[in-house]
């Protein structure tokens, strides 16, 4: 996967919305960084992995060991 795609997946894993991801890319001067470009990249990532939804994509990437489970209950 390309670096930008890895970054988008990382931000999704951290819980950012697509708009927030676009904003983070803008803050880092990474282009393209529009909401539309983030949506297009995600669509391509889903197609490449034959995923129907973002949740399905997350499951596929987890099974491919490209995503890790993180403990979001810190402090409990």
PDB file of N, CA and C in Angstrom:
ATOM      1  N   UNK A   1       0.834  -1.190   0.000  1.00  0.00           N
ATOM      2  CA  UNK A   1       0.000   0.000   0.000  1.00  0.00           C
ATOM      3  C   UNK A   1       0.875   1.248   0.000  1.00  0.00           C
ATOM      4  N   UNK A   2       0.358   2.284  -0.572  1.00  0.00           N
ATOM      5  CA  UNK A   2       1.079   3.544  -0.618  1.00  0.00           C
ATOM      6  C   UNK A   2       1.071   4.191   0.765  1.00  0.00           C
ATOM      7  N   UNK A   3       2.037   5.067   0.988  1.00  0.00           N
ATOM      8  CA  UNK A   3       2.151   5.738   2.286  1.00  0.00           C
ATOM      9  C   UNK A   3       0.891   6.511   2.657  1.00  0.00           C
ATOM     10  N   UNK A   4       0.302   7.223   1.699  1.00  0.00           N
ATOM     11  CA  UNK A   4      -0.899   8.008   1.990  1.00  0.00           C
ATOM     12  C   UNK A   4      -2.047   7.090   2.392  1.00  0.00           C
ATOM     13  N   UNK A   5      -2.140   5.940   1.735  1.00  0.00           N
ATOM     14  CA  UNK A   5      -3.195   4.994   2.082  1.00  0.00           C
ATOM     15  C   UNK A   5      -2.978   4.435   3.485  1.00  0.00           C
ATOM     16  N   UNK A   6      -1.740   4.143   3.823  1.00  0.00           N
ATOM     17  CA  UNK A   6      -1.435   3.673   5.181  1.00  0.00           C
ATOM     18  C   UNK A   6      -1.794   4.728   6.219  1.00  0.00           C
ATOM     19  N   UNK A   7      -1.528   5.976   5.895  1.00  0.00           N
ATOM     20  CA  UNK A   7      -1.843   7.070   6.813  1.00  0.00           C
ATOM     21  C   UNK A   7      -3.354   7.213   6.985  1.00  0.00           C
ATOM     22  N   UNK A   8      -4.095   7.122   5.891  1.00  0.00           N
ATOM     23  CA  UNK A   8      -5.559   7.201   5.961  1.00  0.00           C
ATOM     24  C   UNK A   8      -6.103   6.061   6.814  1.00  0.00           C
ATOM     25  N   UNK A   9      -5.591   4.861   6.603  1.00  0.00           N
ATOM     26  CA  UNK A   9      -6.034   3.707   7.398  1.00  0.00           C
ATOM     27  C   UNK A   9      -5.689   3.901   8.868  1.00  0.00           C
ATOM     28  N   UNK A  10      -4.505   4.430   9.139  1.00  0.00           N
ATOM     29  CA  UNK A  10      -4.093   4.696  10.530  1.00  0.00           C
ATOM     30  C   UNK A  10      -5.068   5.674  11.191  1.00  0.00           C
ATOM     31  N   UNK A  11      -5.421   6.738  10.487  1.00  0.00           N
ATOM     32  CA  UNK A  11      -6.342   7.720  11.056  1.00  0.00           C
ATOM     33  C   UNK A  11      -7.741   7.136  11.245  1.00  0.00           C
ATOM     34  N   UNK A  12      -8.179   6.297  10.324  1.00  0.00           N
ATOM     35  CA  UNK A  12      -9.473   5.626  10.500  1.00  0.00           C
ATOM     36  C   UNK A  12      -9.443   4.750  11.750  1.00  0.00           C
ATOM     37  N   UNK A  13      -8.350   4.040  11.921  1.00  0.00           N
ATOM     38  CA  UNK A  13      -8.204   3.168  13.082  1.00  0.00           C
ATOM     39  C   UNK A  13      -8.237   3.980  14.372  1.00  0.00           C
ATOM     40  N   UNK A  14      -7.750   5.207  14.318  1.00  0.00           N
ATOM     41  CA  UNK A  14      -7.758   6.073  15.496  1.00  0.00           C
ATOM     42  C   UNK A  14      -9.115   6.731  15.719  1.00  0.00           C
ATOM     43  N   UNK A  15     -10.064   6.495  14.792  1.00  0.00           N
ATOM     44  CA  UNK A  15     -11.426   6.993  14.978  1.00  0.00           C
ATOM     45  C   UNK A  15     -11.750   8.304  14.300  1.00  0.00           C
ATOM     46  N   UNK A  16     -10.860   8.792  13.446  1.00  0.00           N
ATOM     47  CA  UNK A  16     -11.116  10.051  12.759  1.00  0.00           C
ATOM     48  C   UNK A  16     -12.136   9.856  11.639  1.00  0.00           C
ATOM     49  N   UNK A  17     -12.969  10.865  11.432  1.00  0.00           N
ATOM     50  CA  UNK A  17     -13.896  10.844  10.301  1.00  0.00           C
ATOM     51  C   UNK A  17     -13.118  11.172   9.035  1.00  0.00           C
ATOM     52  N   UNK A  18     -13.761  10.967   7.902  1.00  0.00           N
ATOM     53  CA  UNK A  18     -13.106  11.278   6.639  1.00  0.00           C
ATOM     54  C   UNK A  18     -12.762  12.764   6.552  1.00  0.00           C
ATOM     55  N   UNK A  19     -13.650  13.627   7.032  1.00  0.00           N
ATOM     56  CA  UNK A  19     -13.371  15.072   7.024  1.00  0.00           C
ATOM     57  C   UNK A  19     -12.193  15.395   7.940  1.00  0.00           C
ATOM     58  N   UNK A  20     -12.139  14.771   9.093  1.00  0.00           N
ATOM     59  CA  UNK A  20     -11.018  15.005  10.014  1.00  0.00           C
ATOM     60  C   UNK A  20      -9.706  14.516   9.411  1.00  0.00           C
ATOM     61  N   UNK A  21      -9.754  13.425   8.673  1.00  0.00           N
ATOM     62  CA  UNK A  21      -8.554  12.927   8.004  1.00  0.00           C
ATOM     63  C   UNK A  21      -8.079  13.940   6.970  1.00  0.00           C
ATOM     64  N   UNK A  22      -9.005  14.478   6.193  1.00  0.00           N
ATOM     65  CA  UNK A  22      -8.646  15.503   5.214  1.00  0.00           C
ATOM     66  C   UNK A  22      -7.993  16.704   5.910  1.00  0.00           C
ATOM     67  N   UNK A  23      -8.554  17.112   7.039  1.00  0.00           N
ATOM     68  CA  UNK A  23      -7.989  18.238   7.788  1.00  0.00           C
ATOM     69  C   UNK A  23      -6.584  17.918   8.301  1.00  0.00           C
ATOM     70  N   UNK A  24      -6.386  16.691   8.801  1.00  0.00           N
ATOM     71  CA  UNK A  24      -5.064  16.304   9.300  1.00  0.00           C
ATOM     72  C   UNK A  24      -4.038  16.290   8.170  1.00  0.00           C
ATOM     73  N   UNK A  25      -4.443  15.831   6.994  1.00  0.00           N
ATOM     74  CA  UNK A  25      -3.524  15.840   5.857  1.00  0.00           C
ATOM     75  C   UNK A  25      -3.159  17.268   5.475  1.00  0.00           C
ATOM     76  N   UNK A  26      -4.148  18.178   5.524  1.00  0.00           N
ATOM     77  CA  UNK A  26      -3.884  19.594   5.229  1.00  0.00           C
ATOM     78  C   UNK A  26      -2.899  20.174   6.231  1.00  0.00           C
ATOM     79  N   UNK A  27      -3.100  19.847   7.526  1.00  0.00           N
ATOM     80  CA  UNK A  27      -2.205  20.353   8.575  1.00  0.00           C
ATOM     81  C   UNK A  27      -0.762  19.910   8.341  1.00  0.00           C
ATOM     82  N   UNK A  28      -0.591  18.745   7.738  1.00  0.00           N
ATOM     83  CA  UNK A  28       0.742  18.197   7.497  1.00  0.00           C
ATOM     84  C   UNK A  28       1.260  18.525   6.099  1.00  0.00           C
ATOM     85  N   UNK A  29       0.511  19.354   5.366  1.00  0.00           N
ATOM     86  CA  UNK A  29       0.874  19.742   4.001  1.00  0.00           C
ATOM     87  C   UNK A  29       1.045  18.539   3.076  1.00  0.00           C
ATOM     88  N   UNK A  30       0.212  17.522   3.293  1.00  0.00           N
ATOM     89  CA  UNK A  30       0.201  16.345   2.432  1.00  0.00           C
ATOM     90  C   UNK A  30      -0.889  16.549   1.392  1.00  0.00           C
ATOM     91  N   UNK A  31      -0.533  16.369   0.126  1.00  0.00           N
ATOM     92  CA  UNK A  31      -1.521  16.540  -0.934  1.00  0.00           C
ATOM     93  C   UNK A  31      -1.637  15.247  -1.726  1.00  0.00           C
ATOM     94  N   UNK A  32      -2.781  14.973  -2.330  1.00  0.00           N
ATOM     95  CA  UNK A  32      -4.031  15.727  -2.204  1.00  0.00           C
ATOM     96  C   UNK A  32      -4.631  15.520  -0.820  1.00  0.00           C
ATOM     97  N   UNK A  33      -5.375  16.517  -0.361  1.00  0.00           N
ATOM     98  CA  UNK A  33      -5.873  16.475   1.007  1.00  0.00           C
ATOM     99  C   UNK A  33      -7.346  16.883   1.137  1.00  0.00           C
ATOM    100  N   UNK A  34      -8.056  16.910   0.042  1.00  0.00           N
ATOM    101  CA  UNK A  34      -9.470  17.282   0.112  1.00  0.00           C
ATOM    102  C   UNK A  34     -10.301  16.092   0.589  1.00  0.00           C
ATOM    103  N   UNK A  35     -11.492  16.376   1.069  1.00  0.00           N
ATOM    104  CA  UNK A  35     -12.406  15.319   1.484  1.00  0.00           C
ATOM    105  C   UNK A  35     -12.660  14.371   0.313  1.00  0.00           C
ATOM    106  N   UNK A  36     -12.844  14.930  -0.860  1.00  0.00           N
ATOM    107  CA  UNK A  36     -13.082  14.127  -2.053  1.00  0.00           C
ATOM    108  C   UNK A  36     -11.924  13.159  -2.322  1.00  0.00           C
ATOM    109  N   UNK A  37     -10.707  13.632  -2.170  1.00  0.00           N
ATOM    110  CA  UNK A  37      -9.552  12.758  -2.427  1.00  0.00           C
ATOM    111  C   UNK A  37      -9.455  11.652  -1.382  1.00  0.00           C
ATOM    112  N   UNK A  38      -9.799  11.957  -0.133  1.00  0.00           N
ATOM    113  CA  UNK A  38      -9.811  10.926   0.913  1.00  0.00           C
ATOM    114  C   UNK A  38     -10.881   9.887   0.591  1.00  0.00           C
ATOM    115  N   UNK A  39     -12.051  10.352   0.182  1.00  0.00           N
ATOM    116  CA  UNK A  39     -13.134   9.430  -0.178  1.00  0.00           C
ATOM    117  C   UNK A  39     -12.728   8.538  -1.343  1.00  0.00           C
ATOM    118  N   UNK A  40     -12.076   9.118  -2.344  1.00  0.00           N
ATOM    119  CA  UNK A  40     -11.642   8.343  -3.509  1.00  0.00           C
ATOM    120  C   UNK A  40     -10.600   7.301  -3.124  1.00  0.00           C
ATOM    121  N   UNK A  41      -9.662   7.678  -2.255  1.00  0.00           N
ATOM    122  CA  UNK A  41      -8.639   6.720  -1.805  1.00  0.00           C
ATOM    123  C   UNK A  41      -9.285   5.574  -1.039  1.00  0.00           C
ATOM    124  N   UNK A  42     -10.230   5.910  -0.166  1.00  0.00           N
ATOM    125  CA  UNK A  42     -10.909   4.862   0.594  1.00  0.00           C
ATOM    126  C   UNK A  42     -11.708   3.938  -0.311  1.00  0.00           C
ATOM    127  N   UNK A  43     -12.339   4.514  -1.315  1.00  0.00           N
ATOM    128  CA  UNK A  43     -13.079   3.689  -2.271  1.00  0.00           C
ATOM    129  C   UNK A  43     -12.134   2.728  -2.974  1.00  0.00           C
ATOM    130  N   UNK A  44     -10.973   3.219  -3.359  1.00  0.00           N
ATOM    131  CA  UNK A  44      -9.985   2.371  -4.032  1.00  0.00           C
ATOM    132  C   UNK A  44      -9.451   1.284  -3.096  1.00  0.00           C
ATOM    133  N   UNK A  45      -9.198   1.650  -1.846  1.00  0.00           N
ATOM    134  CA  UNK A  45      -8.717   0.667  -0.859  1.00  0.00           C
ATOM    135  C   UNK A  45      -9.771  -0.414  -0.659  1.00  0.00           C
ATOM    136  N   UNK A  46     -11.042  -0.004  -0.574  1.00  0.00           N
ATOM    137  CA  UNK A  46     -12.125  -0.982  -0.428  1.00  0.00           C
ATOM    138  C   UNK A  46     -12.189  -1.896  -1.643  1.00  0.00           C
ATOM    139  N   UNK A  47     -12.106  -1.327  -2.841  1.00  0.00           N
ATOM    140  CA  UNK A  47     -12.151  -2.133  -4.068  1.00  0.00           C
ATOM    141  C   UNK A  47     -10.966  -3.094  -4.134  1.00  0.00           C
ATOM    142  N   UNK A  48      -9.785  -2.620  -3.799  1.00  0.00           N
ATOM    143  CA  UNK A  48      -8.586  -3.456  -3.831  1.00  0.00           C
ATOM    144  C   UNK A  48      -8.709  -4.657  -2.891  1.00  0.00           C
ATOM    145  N   UNK A  49      -9.450  -4.468  -1.798  1.00  0.00           N
ATOM    146  CA  UNK A  49      -9.608  -5.524  -0.797  1.00  0.00           C
ATOM    147  C   UNK A  49     -10.959  -6.230  -0.874  1.00  0.00           C
ATOM    148  N   UNK A  50     -11.724  -5.882  -1.907  1.00  0.00           N
ATOM    149  CA  UNK A  50     -13.046  -6.467  -2.130  1.00  0.00           C
ATOM    150  C   UNK A  50     -13.955  -6.317  -0.904  1.00  0.00           C
ATOM    151  N   UNK A  51     -13.897  -5.139  -0.283  1.00  0.00           N
ATOM    152  CA  UNK A  51     -14.713  -4.835   0.894  1.00  0.00           C
ATOM    153  C   UNK A  51     -15.961  -4.063   0.465  1.00  0.00           C
ATOM    154  N   UNK A  52     -17.066  -4.378   1.111  1.00  0.00           N
ATOM    155  CA  UNK A  52     -18.335  -3.717   0.787  1.00  0.00           C
ATOM    156  C   UNK A  52     -18.553  -2.456   1.621  1.00  0.00           C
ATOM    157  N   UNK A  53     -18.053  -2.438   2.835  1.00  0.00           N
ATOM    158  CA  UNK A  53     -18.236  -1.304   3.745  1.00  0.00           C
ATOM    159  C   UNK A  53     -16.911  -1.014   4.447  1.00  0.00           C
ATOM    160  N   UNK A  54     -16.851   0.114   5.148  1.00  0.00           N
ATOM    161  CA  UNK A  54     -15.644   0.417   5.922  1.00  0.00           C
ATOM    162  C   UNK A  54     -15.439  -0.596   7.036  1.00  0.00           C
ATOM    163  N   UNK A  55     -16.531  -1.060   7.638  1.00  0.00           N
ATOM    164  CA  UNK A  55     -16.412  -2.081   8.679  1.00  0.00           C
ATOM    165  C   UNK A  55     -15.848  -3.371   8.076  1.00  0.00           C
ATOM    166  N   UNK A  56     -16.360  -3.751   6.919  1.00  0.00           N
ATOM    167  CA  UNK A  56     -15.863  -4.940   6.228  1.00  0.00           C
ATOM    168  C   UNK A  56     -14.380  -4.771   5.909  1.00  0.00           C
ATOM    169  N   UNK A  57     -13.995  -3.591   5.462  1.00  0.00           N
ATOM    170  CA  UNK A  57     -12.589  -3.303   5.175  1.00  0.00           C
ATOM    171  C   UNK A  57     -11.742  -3.470   6.432  1.00  0.00           C
ATOM    172  N   UNK A  58     -12.217  -2.945   7.544  1.00  0.00           N
ATOM    173  CA  UNK A  58     -11.473  -3.063   8.798  1.00  0.00           C
ATOM    174  C   UNK A  58     -11.267  -4.530   9.172  1.00  0.00           C
ATOM    175  N   UNK A  59     -12.301  -5.337   8.993  1.00  0.00           N
ATOM    176  CA  UNK A  59     -12.188  -6.765   9.292  1.00  0.00           C
ATOM    177  C   UNK A  59     -11.166  -7.433   8.380  1.00  0.00           C
ATOM    178  N   UNK A  60     -11.202  -7.100   7.107  1.00  0.00           N
ATOM    179  CA  UNK A  60     -10.261  -7.676   6.146  1.00  0.00           C
ATOM    180  C   UNK A  60      -8.829  -7.269   6.494  1.00  0.00           C
ATOM    181  N   UNK A  61      -8.623  -5.981   6.767  1.00  0.00           N
ATOM    182  CA  UNK A  61      -7.277  -5.502   7.089  1.00  0.00           C
ATOM    183  C   UNK A  61      -6.780  -6.101   8.398  1.00  0.00           C
ATOM    184  N   UNK A  62      -7.671  -6.285   9.356  1.00  0.00           N
ATOM    185  CA  UNK A  62      -7.295  -6.922  10.616  1.00  0.00           C
ATOM    186  C   UNK A  62      -6.851  -8.358  10.356  1.00  0.00           C
ATOM    187  N   UNK A  63      -7.618  -9.077   9.540  1.00  0.00           N
ATOM    188  CA  UNK A  63      -7.269 -10.466   9.224  1.00  0.00           C
ATOM    189  C   UNK A  63      -5.954 -10.564   8.454  1.00  0.00           C
ATOM    190  N   UNK A  64      -5.637  -9.538   7.680  1.00  0.00           N
ATOM    191  CA  UNK A  64      -4.372  -9.501   6.953  1.00  0.00           C
ATOM    192  C   UNK A  64      -3.240  -8.978   7.835  1.00  0.00           C
ATOM    193  N   UNK A  65      -3.556  -8.721   9.092  1.00  0.00           N
ATOM    194  CA  UNK A  65      -2.583  -8.213  10.076  1.00  0.00           C
ATOM    195  C   UNK A  65      -2.093  -6.809   9.734  1.00  0.00           C
ATOM    196  N   UNK A  66      -2.931  -6.043   9.025  1.00  0.00           N
ATOM    197  CA  UNK A  66      -2.590  -4.656   8.716  1.00  0.00           C
ATOM    198  C   UNK A  66      -3.197  -3.690   9.722  1.00  0.00           C
ATOM    199  N   UNK A  67      -4.107  -4.196  10.569  1.00  0.00           N
ATOM    200  CA  UNK A  67      -4.686  -3.413  11.649  1.00  0.00           C
ATOM    201  C   UNK A  67      -4.458  -4.165  12.946  1.00  0.00           C
ATOM    202  N   UNK A  68      -4.304  -3.426  14.011  1.00  0.00           N
ATOM    203  CA  UNK A  68      -4.154  -4.033  15.329  1.00  0.00           C
ATOM    204  C   UNK A  68      -5.280  -3.561  16.224  1.00  0.00           C
ATOM    205  N   UNK A  69      -5.653  -4.401  17.154  1.00  0.00           N
ATOM    206  CA  UNK A  69      -6.644  -4.012  18.160  1.00  0.00           C
ATOM    207  C   UNK A  69      -5.913  -3.202  19.205  1.00  0.00           C
ATOM    208  N   UNK A  70      -6.433  -2.022  19.500  1.00  0.00           N
ATOM    209  CA  UNK A  70      -5.859  -1.205  20.565  1.00  0.00           C
ATOM    210  C   UNK A  70      -6.877  -1.106  21.684  1.00  0.00           C
ATOM    211  N   UNK A  71      -6.410  -0.958  22.894  1.00  0.00           N
ATOM    212  CA  UNK A  71      -7.288  -0.890  24.059  1.00  0.00           C
ATOM    213  C   UNK A  71      -7.784   0.537  24.210  1.00  0.00           C
ATOM    214  N   UNK A  72      -9.059   0.745  23.827  1.00  0.00           N
ATOM    215  CA  UNK A  72      -9.643   2.090  23.914  1.00  0.00           C
ATOM    216  C   UNK A  72     -10.215   2.351  25.289  1.00  0.00           C
ATOM    217  N   UNK A  73     -10.076   1.388  26.215  1.00  0.00           N
ATOM    218  CA  UNK A  73     -10.634   1.541  27.563  1.00  0.00           C
ATOM    219  C   UNK A  73      -9.567   1.984  28.550  1.00  0.00           C
ATOM    220  N   UNK A  74      -8.566   2.671  28.100  1.00  0.00           N
ATOM    221  CA  UNK A  74      -7.480   3.097  28.971  1.00  0.00           C
ATOM    222  C   UNK A  74      -8.021   3.863  30.159  1.00  0.00           C
ATOM    223  N   UNK A  75      -7.499   3.541  31.316  1.00  0.00           N
ATOM    224  CA  UNK A  75      -7.921   4.235  32.529  1.00  0.00           C
ATOM    225  C   UNK A  75      -9.104   3.600  33.222  1.00  0.00           C
ATOM    226  N   UNK A  76      -9.656   2.532  32.657  1.00  0.00           N
ATOM    227  CA  UNK A  76     -10.809   1.874  33.309  1.00  0.00           C
ATOM    228  C   UNK A  76     -10.331   0.851  34.288  1.00  0.00           C
TER     229      UNK A  76
END
